[in-house]
Amino acid sequence: METSDLTGLTARARRLALARGRRILGIAGPPGAGKSTLAGQLVDALGPLAVLVPMDGFHLAQGELERLGRAARKGAPDTFDAAGYAALLRRLRAPEAGTIVYAPEFDRALEQPVAGSVAVYPEVPLVVTEGNYLLHDEGAWASVRGLLDEAWFLDLEQDVRVRRLVERHVRFGKPRDFAERWVAGSDEANARLVALGRDRADLVVRTGGGARP
């Protein structure tokens, strides 16, 4: 099923939030497709019914990436703590009564994950999580799909998505020529990998070119 209707997407997320028990909605897609924008819009619209827990909080720290020799591939599947992310999703699915679960968040200004940034209160029925590899089926990532009650895949025209990515890198301090090289190399290699999981989604969302990434 494919859609691009934000009103309909919000209604679908609301139905999930109002179902019995804690539910998790995953929003996947390639870099620059608008995952964080859509996730934020949904959480804003749902208010106290939802909270956003981004996958990017499980980036390995820059020092660890350098130690492992993976800093030049930052954003690839093996530059995240995939097992830690899956463990958090399991904990979020079945929270202990009265317990707040804290999740990390990625600070783009610092280019580092920051622990304990997102508080998930036990009474919140819907967790919205977004990231590149929610539908990836290798290694520890393979368990993530089964932990999501619904998975959406965001699809955006490549030229719009690439332009967004370059501008985002520049906005956060990278020189334009470096940003263009990084997008053409690392980001696009990751985008091709992410696209392989498209068929594992419950819904394909066609995103427009106007929203900021």
C-alpha atoms as a PDB file:
ATOM      1  CA  MET A   1       0.000   0.000   0.000  1.00  0.00           C
ATOM      2  CA  GLU A   2       1.260   3.502  -0.846  1.00  0.00           C
ATOM      3  CA  THR A   3       0.136   6.907   0.389  1.00  0.00           C
ATOM      4  CA  SER A   4       1.310  10.494   0.811  1.00  0.00           C
ATOM      5  CA  ASP A   5      -1.600  11.866   2.875  1.00  0.00           C
ATOM      6  CA  LEU A   6      -0.390  13.302   6.203  1.00  0.00           C
ATOM      7  CA  THR A   7      -3.928  13.427   7.608  1.00  0.00           C
ATOM      8  CA  GLY A   8      -4.419   9.757   6.809  1.00  0.00           C
ATOM      9  CA  LEU A   9      -1.014   8.851   8.227  1.00  0.00           C
ATOM     10  CA  THR A  10      -1.808  10.680  11.457  1.00  0.00           C
ATOM     11  CA  ALA A  11      -5.145   8.873  11.734  1.00  0.00           C
ATOM     12  CA  ARG A  12      -3.412   5.543  11.156  1.00  0.00           C
ATOM     13  CA  ALA A  13      -0.837   6.298  13.856  1.00  0.00           C
ATOM     14  CA  ARG A  14      -3.621   7.386  16.223  1.00  0.00           C
ATOM     15  CA  ARG A  15      -5.434   4.069  15.744  1.00  0.00           C
ATOM     16  CA  LEU A  16      -2.212   2.294  16.629  1.00  0.00           C
ATOM     17  CA  ALA A  17      -1.818   4.462  19.740  1.00  0.00           C
ATOM     18  CA  LEU A  18      -5.352   3.686  20.863  1.00  0.00           C
ATOM     19  CA  ALA A  19      -4.939  -0.059  20.475  1.00  0.00           C
ATOM     20  CA  ARG A  20      -4.430  -2.071  23.621  1.00  0.00           C
ATOM     21  CA  GLY A  21      -0.967  -1.976  25.214  1.00  0.00           C
ATOM     22  CA  ARG A  22       2.274  -0.272  24.156  1.00  0.00           C
ATOM     23  CA  ARG A  23       2.780  -0.159  20.394  1.00  0.00           C
ATOM     24  CA  ILE A  24       5.820   0.751  18.300  1.00  0.00           C
ATOM     25  CA  LEU A  25       5.640   2.423  14.892  1.00  0.00           C
ATOM     26  CA  GLY A  26       8.839   2.336  12.835  1.00  0.00           C
ATOM     27  CA  ILE A  27       9.580   4.778  10.021  1.00  0.00           C
ATOM     28  CA  ALA A  28      12.405   3.677   7.729  1.00  0.00           C
ATOM     29  CA  GLY A  29      13.923   5.056   4.563  1.00  0.00           C
ATOM     30  CA  PRO A  30      17.170   6.245   2.988  1.00  0.00           C
ATOM     31  CA  PRO A  31      19.151   9.235   4.260  1.00  0.00           C
ATOM     32  CA  GLY A  32      17.355  12.500   3.516  1.00  0.00           C
ATOM     33  CA  ALA A  33      13.933  10.969   2.827  1.00  0.00           C
ATOM     34  CA  GLY A  34      12.285  12.972   5.623  1.00  0.00           C
ATOM     35  CA  LYS A  35      11.979  10.351   8.367  1.00  0.00           C
ATOM     36  CA  SER A  36      12.622  12.691  11.277  1.00  0.00           C
ATOM     37  CA  THR A  37      10.289  15.319   9.797  1.00  0.00           C
ATOM     38  CA  LEU A  38       7.376  12.909   9.438  1.00  0.00           C
ATOM     39  CA  ALA A  39       8.018  11.299  12.822  1.00  0.00           C
ATOM     40  CA  GLY A  40       8.063  14.722  14.467  1.00  0.00           C
ATOM     41  CA  GLN A  41       4.828  15.737  12.739  1.00  0.00           C
ATOM     42  CA  LEU A  42       3.087  12.591  13.929  1.00  0.00           C
ATOM     43  CA  VAL A  43       4.273  12.958  17.521  1.00  0.00           C
ATOM     44  CA  ASP A  44       3.283  16.640  17.572  1.00  0.00           C
ATOM     45  CA  ALA A  45      -0.180  15.778  16.263  1.00  0.00           C
ATOM     46  CA  LEU A  46      -0.702  12.928  18.741  1.00  0.00           C
ATOM     47  CA  GLY A  47       0.498  14.903  21.757  1.00  0.00           C
ATOM     48  CA  PRO A  48       0.554  12.815  24.951  1.00  0.00           C
ATOM     49  CA  LEU A  49      -0.251   9.632  23.024  1.00  0.00           C
ATOM     50  CA  ALA A  50       3.205   9.361  21.438  1.00  0.00           C
ATOM     51  CA  VAL A  51       6.924   9.870  21.949  1.00  0.00           C
ATOM     52  CA  LEU A  52       9.782   9.875  19.437  1.00  0.00           C
ATOM     53  CA  VAL A  53      12.775   7.560  19.959  1.00  0.00           C
ATOM     54  CA  PRO A  54      15.236   7.948  17.047  1.00  0.00           C
ATOM     55  CA  MET A  55      17.472   5.080  15.957  1.00  0.00           C
ATOM     56  CA  ASP A  56      20.338   7.545  15.443  1.00  0.00           C
ATOM     57  CA  GLY A  57      20.887   7.671  19.205  1.00  0.00           C
ATOM     58  CA  PHE A  58      22.638   4.330  18.759  1.00  0.00           C
ATOM     59  CA  HIS A  59      25.430   5.716  16.587  1.00  0.00           C
ATOM     60  CA  LEU A  60      28.776   4.578  17.934  1.00  0.00           C
ATOM     61  CA  ALA A  61      30.752   7.465  19.409  1.00  0.00           C
ATOM     62  CA  GLN A  62      33.263   9.138  17.104  1.00  0.00           C
ATOM     63  CA  GLY A  63      36.219   7.888  19.151  1.00  0.00           C
ATOM     64  CA  GLU A  64      34.998   4.301  18.880  1.00  0.00           C
ATOM     65  CA  LEU A  65      34.450   4.654  15.121  1.00  0.00           C
ATOM     66  CA  GLU A  66      38.017   5.887  14.764  1.00  0.00           C
ATOM     67  CA  ARG A  67      39.331   3.024  16.897  1.00  0.00           C
ATOM     68  CA  LEU A  68      37.478   0.525  14.702  1.00  0.00           C
ATOM     69  CA  GLY A  69      38.569   2.228  11.478  1.00  0.00           C
ATOM     70  CA  ARG A  70      34.959   2.974  10.472  1.00  0.00           C
ATOM     71  CA  ALA A  71      34.831   6.765  10.789  1.00  0.00           C
ATOM     72  CA  ALA A  72      34.936   7.240   7.004  1.00  0.00           C
ATOM     73  CA  ARG A  73      31.799   5.066   6.720  1.00  0.00           C
ATOM     74  CA  LYS A  74      29.809   6.740   9.496  1.00  0.00           C
ATOM     75  CA  GLY A  75      26.146   5.938   8.909  1.00  0.00           C
ATOM     76  CA  ALA A  76      26.734   2.390   7.604  1.00  0.00           C
ATOM     77  CA  PRO A  77      24.968  -0.465   9.464  1.00  0.00           C
ATOM     78  CA  ASP A  78      28.085  -1.488  11.399  1.00  0.00           C
ATOM     79  CA  THR A  79      28.583   2.038  12.777  1.00  0.00           C
ATOM     80  CA  PHE A  80      25.593   1.629  15.096  1.00  0.00           C
ATOM     81  CA  ASP A  81      24.947  -0.448  18.205  1.00  0.00           C
ATOM     82  CA  ALA A  82      22.200  -2.457  16.523  1.00  0.00           C
ATOM     83  CA  ALA A  83      21.924  -4.983  19.363  1.00  0.00           C
ATOM     84  CA  GLY A  84      21.538  -2.156  21.869  1.00  0.00           C
ATOM     85  CA  TYR A  85      18.780  -0.594  19.769  1.00  0.00           C
ATOM     86  CA  ALA A  86      16.919  -3.897  19.534  1.00  0.00           C
ATOM     87  CA  ALA A  87      17.270  -4.368  23.301  1.00  0.00           C
ATOM     88  CA  LEU A  88      15.738  -0.939  23.891  1.00  0.00           C
ATOM     89  CA  LEU A  89      12.796  -1.774  21.619  1.00  0.00           C
ATOM     90  CA  ARG A  90      12.184  -4.964  23.591  1.00  0.00           C
ATOM     91  CA  ARG A  91      12.210  -2.997  26.815  1.00  0.00           C
ATOM     92  CA  LEU A  92       9.851  -0.391  25.353  1.00  0.00           C
ATOM     93  CA  ARG A  93       7.408  -3.062  24.229  1.00  0.00           C
ATOM     94  CA  ALA A  94       7.035  -4.404  27.765  1.00  0.00           C
ATOM     95  CA  PRO A  95       7.938  -1.614  30.214  1.00  0.00           C
ATOM     96  CA  GLU A  96       7.992  -2.339  33.928  1.00  0.00           C
ATOM     97  CA  ALA A  97       5.008  -0.832  35.726  1.00  0.00           C
ATOM     98  CA  GLY A  98       5.669   2.773  36.665  1.00  0.00           C
ATOM     99  CA  THR A  99       9.153   2.799  35.143  1.00  0.00           C
ATOM    100  CA  ILE A 100      10.478   5.541  32.881  1.00  0.00           C
ATOM    101  CA  VAL A 101      12.669   4.208  30.073  1.00  0.00           C
ATOM    102  CA  TYR A 102      15.434   6.555  28.933  1.00  0.00           C
ATOM    103  CA  ALA A 103      16.685   6.477  25.349  1.00  0.00           C
ATOM    104  CA  PRO A 104      19.692   8.151  23.677  1.00  0.00           C
ATOM    105  CA  GLU A 105      19.506  10.816  20.999  1.00  0.00           C
ATOM    106  CA  PHE A 106      21.983  11.917  18.332  1.00  0.00           C
ATOM    107  CA  ASP A 107      23.165  15.527  18.580  1.00  0.00           C
ATOM    108  CA  ARG A 108      23.958  16.714  15.051  1.00  0.00           C
ATOM    109  CA  ALA A 109      25.828  19.757  16.320  1.00  0.00           C
ATOM    110  CA  LEU A 110      28.156  17.524  18.335  1.00  0.00           C
ATOM    111  CA  GLU A 111      28.024  14.637  15.847  1.00  0.00           C
ATOM    112  CA  GLN A 112      27.736  12.361  18.875  1.00  0.00           C
ATOM    113  CA  PRO A 113      25.052  10.252  20.589  1.00  0.00           C
ATOM    114  CA  VAL A 114      23.889  11.559  23.971  1.00  0.00           C
ATOM    115  CA  ALA A 115      22.623   9.019  26.502  1.00  0.00           C
ATOM    116  CA  GLY A 116      19.454   9.516  28.545  1.00  0.00           C
ATOM    117  CA  SER A 117      18.075  12.244  26.267  1.00  0.00           C
ATOM    118  CA  VAL A 118      14.543  10.908  25.701  1.00  0.00           C
ATOM    119  CA  ALA A 119      12.224   9.954  28.572  1.00  0.00           C
ATOM    120  CA  VAL A 120       9.542   7.417  27.665  1.00  0.00           C
ATOM    121  CA  TYR A 121       6.882   7.453  30.363  1.00  0.00           C
ATOM    122  CA  PRO A 122       4.986   4.215  31.046  1.00  0.00           C
ATOM    123  CA  GLU A 123       1.593   5.756  30.268  1.00  0.00           C
ATOM    124  CA  VAL A 124       2.568   6.749  26.695  1.00  0.00           C
ATOM    125  CA  PRO A 125       0.939   4.149  24.423  1.00  0.00           C
ATOM    126  CA  LEU A 126       2.844   4.752  21.169  1.00  0.00           C
ATOM    127  CA  VAL A 127       6.567   4.918  20.533  1.00  0.00           C
ATOM    128  CA  VAL A 128       7.510   6.297  17.112  1.00  0.00           C
ATOM    129  CA  THR A 129      11.022   5.327  16.069  1.00  0.00           C
ATOM    130  CA  GLU A 130      12.755   6.300  12.848  1.00  0.00           C
ATOM    131  CA  GLY A 131      16.008   5.451  11.123  1.00  0.00           C
ATOM    132  CA  ASN A 132      17.702   3.991   8.081  1.00  0.00           C
ATOM    133  CA  TYR A 133      17.973   0.345   9.078  1.00  0.00           C
ATOM    134  CA  LEU A 134      14.670  -0.630  10.698  1.00  0.00           C
ATOM    135  CA  LEU A 135      14.001  -2.974   7.761  1.00  0.00           C
ATOM    136  CA  HIS A 136      17.575  -4.206   7.331  1.00  0.00           C
ATOM    137  CA  ASP A 137      17.783  -7.998   7.607  1.00  0.00           C
ATOM    138  CA  GLU A 138      21.441  -8.648   8.439  1.00  0.00           C
ATOM    139  CA  GLY A 139      23.113  -9.192  11.795  1.00  0.00           C
ATOM    140  CA  ALA A 140      21.480  -7.728  14.885  1.00  0.00           C
ATOM    141  CA  TRP A 141      19.314  -5.514  12.654  1.00  0.00           C
ATOM    142  CA  ALA A 142      17.324  -8.564  11.548  1.00  0.00           C
ATOM    143  CA  SER A 143      15.436  -8.693  14.857  1.00  0.00           C
ATOM    144  CA  VAL A 144      14.185  -5.093  14.648  1.00  0.00           C
ATOM    145  CA  ARG A 145      11.360  -5.651  12.142  1.00  0.00           C
ATOM    146  CA  GLY A 146       9.678  -8.180  14.425  1.00  0.00           C
ATOM    147  CA  LEU A 147       9.681  -5.654  17.271  1.00  0.00           C
ATOM    148  CA  LEU A 148       7.648  -3.112  15.285  1.00  0.00           C
ATOM    149  CA  ASP A 149       3.862  -3.256  15.232  1.00  0.00           C
ATOM    150  CA  GLU A 150       3.916  -1.314  11.978  1.00  0.00           C
ATOM    151  CA  ALA A 151       6.752  -0.316   9.661  1.00  0.00           C
ATOM    152  CA  TRP A 152       6.542   2.468   7.091  1.00  0.00           C
ATOM    153  CA  PHE A 153       9.058   3.128   4.322  1.00  0.00           C
ATOM    154  CA  LEU A 154       9.565   6.695   3.080  1.00  0.00           C
ATOM    155  CA  ASP A 155      10.149   7.145  -0.636  1.00  0.00           C
ATOM    156  CA  LEU A 156      11.379  10.409  -2.161  1.00  0.00           C
ATOM    157  CA  GLU A 157      12.743  11.328  -5.589  1.00  0.00           C
ATOM    158  CA  GLN A 158      16.489  10.831  -5.567  1.00  0.00           C
ATOM    159  CA  ASP A 159      17.476  14.277  -6.816  1.00  0.00           C
ATOM    160  CA  VAL A 160      15.387  15.979  -4.116  1.00  0.00           C
ATOM    161  CA  ARG A 161      16.730  13.662  -1.439  1.00  0.00           C
ATOM    162  CA  VAL A 162      20.371  14.176  -2.473  1.00  0.00           C
ATOM    163  CA  ARG A 163      19.924  17.949  -2.544  1.00  0.00           C
ATOM    164  CA  ARG A 164      18.410  17.853   0.953  1.00  0.00           C
ATOM    165  CA  LEU A 165      21.313  15.803   2.262  1.00  0.00           C
ATOM    166  CA  VAL A 166      23.948  18.142   0.902  1.00  0.00           C
ATOM    167  CA  GLU A 167      22.179  21.159   2.380  1.00  0.00           C
ATOM    168  CA  ARG A 168      21.814  19.421   5.739  1.00  0.00           C
ATOM    169  CA  HIS A 169      25.529  18.633   5.909  1.00  0.00           C
ATOM    170  CA  VAL A 170      26.355  22.241   5.005  1.00  0.00           C
ATOM    171  CA  ARG A 171      23.907  23.534   7.608  1.00  0.00           C
ATOM    172  CA  PHE A 172      25.751  21.587  10.279  1.00  0.00           C
ATOM    173  CA  GLY A 173      29.140  22.977   9.338  1.00  0.00           C
ATOM    174  CA  LYS A 174      30.620  20.839   6.551  1.00  0.00           C
ATOM    175  CA  PRO A 175      32.180  22.588   3.517  1.00  0.00           C
ATOM    176  CA  ARG A 176      29.958  22.178   0.457  1.00  0.00           C
ATOM    177  CA  ASP A 177      32.538  20.277  -1.612  1.00  0.00           C
ATOM    178  CA  PHE A 178      33.066  17.834   1.275  1.00  0.00           C
ATOM    179  CA  ALA A 179      29.291  17.477   1.722  1.00  0.00           C
ATOM    180  CA  GLU A 180      28.789  16.688  -1.955  1.00  0.00           C
ATOM    181  CA  ARG A 181      31.525  14.035  -1.910  1.00  0.00           C
ATOM    182  CA  TRP A 182      30.180  12.482   1.297  1.00  0.00           C
ATOM    183  CA  VAL A 183      26.630  12.280  -0.058  1.00  0.00           C
ATOM    184  CA  ALA A 184      27.762  10.794  -3.377  1.00  0.00           C
ATOM    185  CA  GLY A 185      29.867   8.196  -1.585  1.00  0.00           C
ATOM    186  CA  SER A 186      28.847   7.154   1.915  1.00  0.00           C
ATOM    187  CA  ASP A 187      25.233   8.360   1.997  1.00  0.00           C
ATOM    188  CA  GLU A 188      24.307   6.927  -1.384  1.00  0.00           C
ATOM    189  CA  ALA A 189      25.931   3.582  -0.622  1.00  0.00           C
ATOM    190  CA  ASN A 190      23.788   3.438   2.516  1.00  0.00           C
ATOM    191  CA  ALA A 191      20.688   4.515   0.568  1.00  0.00           C
ATOM    192  CA  ARG A 192      21.078   1.598  -1.838  1.00  0.00           C
ATOM    193  CA  LEU A 193      21.319  -0.797   1.093  1.00  0.00           C
ATOM    194  CA  VAL A 194      18.281   0.710   2.833  1.00  0.00           C
ATOM    195  CA  ALA A 195      16.202   0.365  -0.345  1.00  0.00           C
ATOM    196  CA  LEU A 196      16.554  -3.426  -0.169  1.00  0.00           C
ATOM    197  CA  GLY A 197      14.217  -3.442   2.855  1.00  0.00           C
ATOM    198  CA  ARG A 198      11.369  -1.583   1.134  1.00  0.00           C
ATOM    199  CA  ASP A 199       9.257  -4.702   0.593  1.00  0.00           C
ATOM    200  CA  ARG A 200       9.314  -5.507   4.322  1.00  0.00           C
ATOM    201  CA  ALA A 201       7.263  -2.396   5.117  1.00  0.00           C
ATOM    202  CA  ASP A 202       3.514  -2.364   5.782  1.00  0.00           C
ATOM    203  CA  LEU A 203       3.173   0.991   4.037  1.00  0.00           C
ATOM    204  CA  VAL A 204       5.175   3.027   1.522  1.00  0.00           C
ATOM    205  CA  VAL A 205       4.899   6.769   2.088  1.00  0.00           C
ATOM    206  CA  ARG A 206       5.556   9.112  -0.828  1.00  0.00           C
ATOM    207  CA  THR A 207       7.090  12.217   0.706  1.00  0.00           C
ATOM    208  CA  GLY A 208       7.077  15.614  -0.991  1.00  0.00           C
ATOM    209  CA  GLY A 209      10.040  17.835  -1.704  1.00  0.00           C
ATOM    210  CA  GLY A 210       8.944  20.794   0.370  1.00  0.00           C
ATOM    211  CA  ALA A 211       9.526  19.602   3.946  1.00  0.00           C
ATOM    212  CA  ARG A 212      12.914  20.207   5.505  1.00  0.00           C
ATOM    213  CA  PRO A 213      14.940  17.050   6.366  1.00  0.00           C
END
